[in-house]
């Protein structure tokens, strides 16, 4: 009876409380779960240089890893509150579908069937990429058209596998696929001579060759022709529109910051900027955070702790010798575009 009286009293207090006090949620089940556990569960590859790869101290580094940190900074106020979950091409979608991770940022290409059939959505494009080949320099191959009859290393269950088949079928060329699942395993197979060529995203090939060191890298050529183009970026589960908005607009905030010249080191002096776009971005004016169910300084913290899109690129992609190309800002002829932050 005592328990029943306590329960009734608690219910009365709840009903008497103001509506805002009864429901202090973000409007997103995913955001509330992240805040409840205290960290973001971010799915990455963990094997791709420049995107997600542990350094000598065990710290995850790369563009994808930094996107995870930016989202954590926006949602939790702390970029360090991320648990990275390394995923293969085969288990990445299942991990997101099952709730093992909150967001997938793993060099995953955007396609109709992936978005329409898997119950998942692409929230943002952090890298515009394409599929090509790497070959041994002494093979004398300068174009994919010269790979007739070649053995080609490729990871199964990837969009690259489909790109490969489509290209050879379209051009009436023969090839023998060598299907190997892991990133490191397929790279090792190519280096061991098990195949004439290795195909995947051009960005991954650049990272692979870069890790070989300048002397060994000279022995391999990345073909300049792309057999397909495609955006890759962040994926979330369908059904939580507010979480989709958060992940998407964190990306747009990082791109906007670069376009406005807002760098992490400059934030203190920009606090009193008279530029209305900068003031809204940094949470000085407007209510962009409230619209997303976040703190008003969500974008400020993401930029302060991780940097804008250009800073992230300089830190992770520039050392590999990859030019911005389509990943340049729209104002510089690229495809990285952000709608107005207002």
Protein backbone atom coordinates (compact mmCIF):
# COMPACT_ATOMS: atom_id res chain seq x y z
CA UNK A 1 0.00 0.00 0.00
CA UNK A 2 2.86 2.34 0.84
CA UNK A 3 4.29 1.80 -2.66
CA UNK A 4 0.90 2.55 -4.21
CA UNK A 5 0.63 5.81 -2.23
CA UNK A 6 4.13 6.85 -3.33
CA UNK A 7 3.29 6.04 -6.95
CA UNK A 8 0.07 8.05 -6.77
CA UNK A 9 1.87 11.00 -5.22
CA UNK A 10 4.52 10.93 -7.93
CA UNK A 11 1.83 10.83 -10.61
CA UNK A 12 0.09 13.83 -9.08
CA UNK A 13 3.34 15.80 -9.03
CA UNK A 14 3.98 14.91 -12.66
CA UNK A 15 0.52 15.98 -13.76
CA UNK A 16 0.82 19.21 -11.81
CA UNK A 17 4.17 20.10 -13.37
CA UNK A 18 4.33 22.51 -16.32
CA UNK A 19 4.23 20.92 -19.76
CA UNK A 20 7.84 21.89 -20.49
CA UNK A 21 9.04 20.19 -17.32
CA UNK A 22 7.18 16.98 -18.14
CA UNK A 23 8.95 16.50 -21.47
CA UNK A 24 12.49 17.77 -21.70
CA UNK A 25 13.40 15.73 -24.71
CA UNK A 26 15.07 16.78 -27.93
CA UNK A 27 12.31 15.47 -30.17
CA UNK A 28 14.63 12.69 -31.30
CA UNK A 29 14.74 9.24 -29.76
CA UNK A 30 18.30 8.85 -31.05
CA UNK A 31 19.52 12.12 -29.55
CA UNK A 32 17.88 11.26 -26.23
CA UNK A 33 19.53 7.83 -26.27
CA UNK A 34 22.94 9.40 -27.00
CA UNK A 35 22.53 11.85 -24.15
CA UNK A 36 21.33 9.10 -21.85
CA UNK A 37 24.40 6.91 -22.43
CA UNK A 38 26.77 9.88 -22.62
CA UNK A 39 28.46 9.11 -25.93
CA UNK A 40 27.83 8.77 -29.66
CA UNK A 41 28.10 5.34 -31.29
CA UNK A 42 29.68 6.07 -34.66
CA UNK A 43 30.25 3.38 -37.29
CA UNK A 44 33.47 3.73 -39.29
CA UNK A 45 35.78 1.49 -41.26
CA UNK A 46 38.82 1.86 -39.03
CA UNK A 47 41.04 0.72 -41.91
CA UNK A 48 41.06 3.58 -44.42
CA UNK A 49 43.87 6.15 -44.31
CA UNK A 50 42.61 9.72 -44.40
CA UNK A 51 39.12 8.71 -43.31
CA UNK A 52 39.24 6.41 -40.28
CA UNK A 53 42.45 4.76 -39.14
CA UNK A 54 44.03 4.53 -35.70
CA UNK A 55 47.34 6.33 -35.24
CA UNK A 56 50.33 5.10 -33.23
CA UNK A 57 48.60 6.14 -30.00
CA UNK A 58 45.40 4.32 -30.84
CA UNK A 59 43.48 7.52 -31.68
CA UNK A 60 41.06 7.26 -34.61
CA UNK A 61 42.07 9.78 -37.27
CA UNK A 62 40.58 10.91 -40.57
CA UNK A 63 37.76 12.84 -42.19
CA UNK A 64 35.05 10.34 -41.24
CA UNK A 65 36.33 10.13 -37.67
CA UNK A 66 36.28 13.91 -37.38
CA UNK A 67 32.68 13.99 -38.60
CA UNK A 68 31.81 11.66 -35.73
CA UNK A 69 33.53 14.06 -33.34
CA UNK A 70 31.75 17.08 -34.80
CA UNK A 71 28.36 15.43 -34.25
CA UNK A 72 29.32 14.53 -30.68
CA UNK A 73 30.41 18.12 -30.04
CA UNK A 74 27.09 19.43 -31.38
CA UNK A 75 24.92 16.98 -29.43
CA UNK A 76 26.93 16.48 -26.23
CA UNK A 77 29.21 19.50 -26.18
CA UNK A 78 32.29 17.28 -26.20
CA UNK A 79 33.96 15.94 -29.35
CA UNK A 80 35.74 13.27 -27.31
CA UNK A 81 32.52 11.54 -26.33
CA UNK A 82 32.49 9.14 -29.27
CA UNK A 83 32.76 5.38 -29.31
CA UNK A 84 34.06 4.31 -32.71
CA UNK A 85 32.67 1.01 -33.99
CA UNK A 86 34.77 -0.55 -36.75
CA UNK A 87 32.58 -2.12 -39.40
CA UNK A 88 33.15 -4.11 -42.58
CA UNK A 89 31.39 -3.54 -45.88
CA UNK A 90 29.30 -6.62 -45.12
CA UNK A 91 28.02 -5.70 -41.64
CA UNK A 92 27.83 -1.89 -41.78
CA UNK A 93 24.15 -1.64 -42.75
CA UNK A 94 22.99 -4.31 -40.32
CA UNK A 95 24.79 -2.50 -37.49
CA UNK A 96 22.88 0.70 -38.26
CA UNK A 97 19.55 -1.05 -38.78
CA UNK A 98 19.83 -2.90 -35.47
CA UNK A 99 20.76 0.16 -33.42
CA UNK A 100 24.30 -1.00 -32.71
CA UNK A 101 25.39 2.43 -33.94
CA UNK A 102 23.68 5.83 -34.12
CA UNK A 103 25.21 6.95 -37.41
CA UNK A 104 27.31 5.35 -40.14
CA UNK A 105 30.17 7.45 -41.57
CA UNK A 106 32.19 4.89 -43.46
CA UNK A 107 33.01 5.73 -47.10
CA UNK A 108 29.56 4.47 -48.01
CA UNK A 109 28.27 5.41 -51.45
CA UNK A 110 24.81 6.90 -51.90
CA UNK A 111 22.48 4.96 -54.19
CA UNK A 112 18.76 4.55 -54.78
CA UNK A 113 18.53 0.92 -53.70
CA UNK A 114 20.48 1.50 -50.51
CA UNK A 115 18.19 4.32 -49.48
CA UNK A 116 14.95 2.77 -50.70
CA UNK A 117 15.43 -0.84 -49.57
CA UNK A 118 17.40 -0.74 -46.33
CA UNK A 119 15.31 1.53 -44.12
CA UNK A 120 18.23 3.97 -44.05
CA UNK A 121 18.81 7.52 -45.30
CA UNK A 122 21.85 9.45 -46.48
CA UNK A 123 22.01 12.63 -44.45
CA UNK A 124 25.02 14.40 -45.97
CA UNK A 125 27.89 14.02 -48.43
CA UNK A 126 31.28 14.61 -46.85
CA UNK A 127 33.26 13.32 -49.84
CA UNK A 128 32.54 13.25 -53.58
CA UNK A 129 34.39 10.26 -54.95
CA UNK A 130 34.58 7.77 -57.80
CA UNK A 131 35.74 4.24 -58.61
CA UNK A 132 39.00 3.54 -60.40
CA UNK A 133 41.95 1.10 -60.39
CA UNK A 134 45.47 0.84 -59.10
CA UNK A 135 47.99 -1.22 -61.09
CA UNK A 136 51.70 -1.91 -60.99
CA UNK A 137 53.58 0.84 -62.80
CA UNK A 138 55.68 -1.63 -64.77
CA UNK A 139 52.52 -3.16 -66.27
CA UNK A 140 52.27 -0.22 -68.66
CA UNK A 141 48.51 0.14 -68.12
CA UNK A 142 47.28 3.72 -68.49
CA UNK A 143 43.53 3.16 -68.95
CA UNK A 144 40.87 0.74 -67.67
CA UNK A 145 40.26 -0.19 -71.31
CA UNK A 146 43.62 -2.02 -71.24
CA UNK A 147 42.49 -4.41 -68.50
CA UNK A 148 40.79 -6.88 -70.84
CA UNK A 149 41.32 -10.37 -69.40
CA UNK A 150 42.73 -9.05 -66.12
CA UNK A 151 42.22 -10.41 -62.63
CA UNK A 152 40.84 -7.66 -60.40
CA UNK A 153 40.83 -7.56 -56.60
CA UNK A 154 37.57 -6.15 -55.21
CA UNK A 155 35.68 -6.32 -51.95
CA UNK A 156 32.34 -8.17 -52.17
CA UNK A 157 29.12 -6.51 -51.07
CA UNK A 158 30.27 -3.07 -52.15
CA UNK A 159 29.02 -0.69 -54.82
CA UNK A 160 32.51 -1.04 -56.34
CA UNK A 161 31.77 -4.68 -57.16
CA UNK A 162 28.75 -3.54 -59.19
CA UNK A 163 30.70 -0.70 -60.82
CA UNK A 164 33.36 -3.19 -61.91
CA UNK A 165 30.87 -5.61 -63.47
CA UNK A 166 28.97 -2.81 -65.20
CA UNK A 167 32.10 -1.28 -66.70
CA UNK A 168 33.45 -4.51 -68.17
CA UNK A 169 30.03 -5.54 -69.45
CA UNK A 170 29.44 -2.14 -71.07
CA UNK A 171 32.83 -2.16 -72.78
CA UNK A 172 32.65 -5.87 -73.71
CA UNK A 173 35.80 -6.70 -71.77
CA UNK A 174 36.63 -9.86 -69.84
CA UNK A 175 37.85 -9.99 -66.26
CA UNK A 176 38.15 -12.37 -63.33
CA UNK A 177 37.14 -10.94 -59.94
CA UNK A 178 39.18 -11.85 -56.87
CA UNK A 179 36.71 -11.30 -54.03
CA UNK A 180 38.30 -10.50 -50.66
CA UNK A 181 36.31 -8.94 -47.81
CA UNK A 182 38.62 -6.94 -45.54
CA UNK A 183 40.28 -3.68 -46.57
CA UNK A 184 43.72 -4.74 -45.37
CA UNK A 185 43.31 -8.24 -46.77
CA UNK A 186 42.41 -7.10 -50.28
CA UNK A 187 45.28 -4.60 -50.28
CA UNK A 188 47.72 -7.30 -49.19
CA UNK A 189 46.43 -9.61 -51.92
CA UNK A 190 47.12 -6.98 -54.56
CA UNK A 191 50.60 -6.29 -53.22
CA UNK A 192 51.29 -10.05 -53.23
CA UNK A 193 50.43 -10.24 -56.94
CA UNK A 194 47.20 -12.19 -56.63
CA UNK A 195 45.53 -9.81 -59.10
CA UNK A 196 46.54 -7.51 -61.93
CA UNK A 197 44.55 -4.58 -60.58
CA UNK A 198 42.76 -3.50 -57.44
CA UNK A 199 39.60 -1.41 -57.66
CA UNK A 200 37.82 0.75 -55.10
CA UNK A 201 37.13 4.44 -54.46
CA UNK A 202 39.88 6.71 -55.74
CA UNK A 203 40.23 8.22 -52.26
CA UNK A 204 40.87 4.82 -50.71
CA UNK A 205 43.42 3.97 -53.38
CA UNK A 206 45.24 7.25 -52.69
CA UNK A 207 45.32 6.46 -48.98
CA UNK A 208 46.52 2.92 -49.67
CA UNK A 209 49.40 4.10 -51.88
CA UNK A 210 50.28 6.92 -49.46
CA UNK A 211 50.69 4.43 -46.60
CA UNK A 212 53.27 2.52 -48.65
CA UNK A 213 55.70 5.41 -48.34
CA UNK A 214 57.20 7.52 -51.15
CA UNK A 215 59.64 4.88 -52.39
CA UNK A 216 57.21 1.94 -52.62
CA UNK A 217 54.41 4.18 -53.91
CA UNK A 218 56.38 4.83 -57.12
CA UNK A 219 55.85 1.19 -58.10
CA UNK A 220 52.08 1.66 -58.40
CA UNK A 221 49.88 3.81 -60.61
CA UNK A 222 46.33 4.97 -59.88
CA UNK A 223 44.49 5.28 -63.19
CA UNK A 224 43.07 8.79 -63.66
CA UNK A 225 39.87 7.62 -65.38
CA UNK A 226 36.85 7.04 -63.15
CA UNK A 227 34.49 4.20 -64.09
CA UNK A 228 31.80 5.66 -61.84
CA UNK A 229 31.24 8.70 -59.66
CA UNK A 230 29.46 8.82 -56.37
CA UNK A 231 28.99 10.72 -53.13
CA UNK A 232 29.72 9.14 -49.78
CA UNK A 233 28.91 10.36 -46.31
CA UNK A 234 26.69 9.83 -43.31
CA UNK A 235 23.73 7.45 -43.00
CA UNK A 236 21.01 7.23 -40.34
CA UNK A 237 17.94 5.08 -39.78
CA UNK A 238 14.64 6.21 -41.25
CA UNK A 239 11.93 7.19 -38.80
CA UNK A 240 13.83 9.74 -36.69
CA UNK A 241 13.56 12.92 -38.73
CA UNK A 242 15.03 15.15 -36.04
CA UNK A 243 18.20 13.03 -35.85
CA UNK A 244 18.44 13.13 -39.65
CA UNK A 245 18.25 16.94 -39.42
CA UNK A 246 20.97 17.07 -36.77
CA UNK A 247 23.45 14.94 -38.75
CA UNK A 248 22.70 16.80 -41.99
CA UNK A 249 22.99 20.28 -40.52
CA UNK A 250 26.18 19.56 -38.62
CA UNK A 251 27.70 18.94 -42.06
CA UNK A 252 26.13 22.10 -43.48
CA UNK A 253 27.45 24.09 -40.50
CA UNK A 254 31.01 22.91 -41.16
CA UNK A 255 30.74 23.81 -44.86
CA UNK A 256 29.14 27.18 -44.04
CA UNK A 257 31.92 27.93 -41.59
CA UNK A 258 34.54 27.42 -44.28
CA UNK A 259 32.58 29.56 -46.74
CA UNK A 260 32.37 32.37 -44.16
CA UNK A 261 36.04 32.07 -43.24
CA UNK A 262 35.20 30.90 -39.73
CA UNK A 263 38.13 28.80 -38.49
CA UNK A 264 38.45 27.21 -35.08
CA UNK A 265 41.35 29.42 -33.99
CA UNK A 266 39.46 32.59 -34.95
CA UNK A 267 36.31 31.95 -32.91
CA UNK A 268 37.20 34.22 -29.94
CA UNK A 269 37.54 37.32 -32.12
CA UNK A 270 34.45 36.38 -34.17
CA UNK A 271 32.21 36.29 -31.10
CA UNK A 272 31.37 39.97 -31.59
CA UNK A 273 31.19 39.87 -35.39
CA UNK A 274 28.56 42.10 -36.96
CA UNK A 275 28.01 39.63 -39.82
CA UNK A 276 24.49 38.23 -39.28
CA UNK A 277 25.35 34.90 -40.92
CA UNK A 278 28.31 34.40 -38.58
CA UNK A 279 26.30 35.45 -35.55
CA UNK A 280 23.55 32.93 -36.34
CA UNK A 281 26.08 30.18 -37.02
CA UNK A 282 27.82 30.75 -33.69
CA UNK A 283 24.57 30.96 -31.74
CA UNK A 284 24.85 34.66 -30.93
CA UNK A 285 21.56 35.46 -32.66
CA UNK A 286 18.54 33.43 -33.72
CA UNK A 287 17.39 30.03 -32.51
CA UNK A 288 19.00 27.49 -34.83
CA UNK A 289 19.84 25.20 -31.94
CA UNK A 290 16.26 25.12 -30.67
CA UNK A 291 15.06 24.17 -34.15
CA UNK A 292 17.25 21.06 -33.95
CA UNK A 293 16.59 20.29 -30.30
CA UNK A 294 20.20 21.24 -29.48
CA UNK A 295 21.98 23.84 -27.39
CA UNK A 296 22.32 27.23 -29.03
CA UNK A 297 26.09 26.78 -29.29
CA UNK A 298 25.95 23.44 -31.13
CA UNK A 299 27.69 24.67 -34.29
CA UNK A 300 30.15 26.77 -32.30
CA UNK A 301 31.30 23.71 -30.36
CA UNK A 302 31.60 21.55 -33.49
CA UNK A 303 33.77 24.19 -35.17
CA UNK A 304 35.78 25.00 -32.04
CA UNK A 305 36.63 21.41 -31.25
CA UNK A 306 36.97 19.91 -34.75
CA UNK A 307 37.33 22.78 -37.23
CA UNK A 308 35.44 23.73 -40.37
CA UNK A 309 35.24 21.48 -43.43
CA UNK A 310 38.38 22.96 -44.94
CA UNK A 311 40.36 22.46 -41.73
CA UNK A 312 39.25 18.83 -41.58
CA UNK A 313 40.31 18.35 -45.19
CA UNK A 314 43.72 19.94 -44.62
CA UNK A 315 44.33 17.74 -41.60
CA UNK A 316 43.35 14.40 -43.11
CA UNK A 317 43.16 14.51 -46.93
CA UNK A 318 45.75 17.04 -48.06
CA UNK A 319 48.71 14.95 -46.75
CA UNK A 320 47.69 12.18 -49.16
CA UNK A 321 48.03 14.51 -52.14
CA UNK A 322 44.32 14.53 -53.03
CA UNK A 323 43.15 17.83 -54.49
CA UNK A 324 39.80 19.30 -53.47
CA UNK A 325 38.32 18.94 -56.97
CA UNK A 326 34.57 18.32 -56.62
CA UNK A 327 34.97 18.66 -52.85
CA UNK A 328 35.79 22.34 -53.17
CA UNK A 329 33.16 24.81 -52.03
CA UNK A 330 30.44 25.73 -54.50
CA UNK A 331 31.88 29.25 -54.57
CA UNK A 332 35.12 27.74 -55.94
CA UNK A 333 33.58 25.48 -58.57
CA UNK A 334 33.07 22.44 -56.36
CA UNK A 335 30.04 20.54 -55.10
CA UNK A 336 30.23 21.25 -51.39
CA UNK A 337 27.17 23.40 -50.84
CA UNK A 338 25.17 24.47 -47.81
CA UNK A 339 21.68 26.00 -47.71
CA UNK A 340 21.25 29.19 -45.67
CA UNK A 341 21.74 28.82 -41.92
CA UNK A 342 18.67 30.72 -40.90
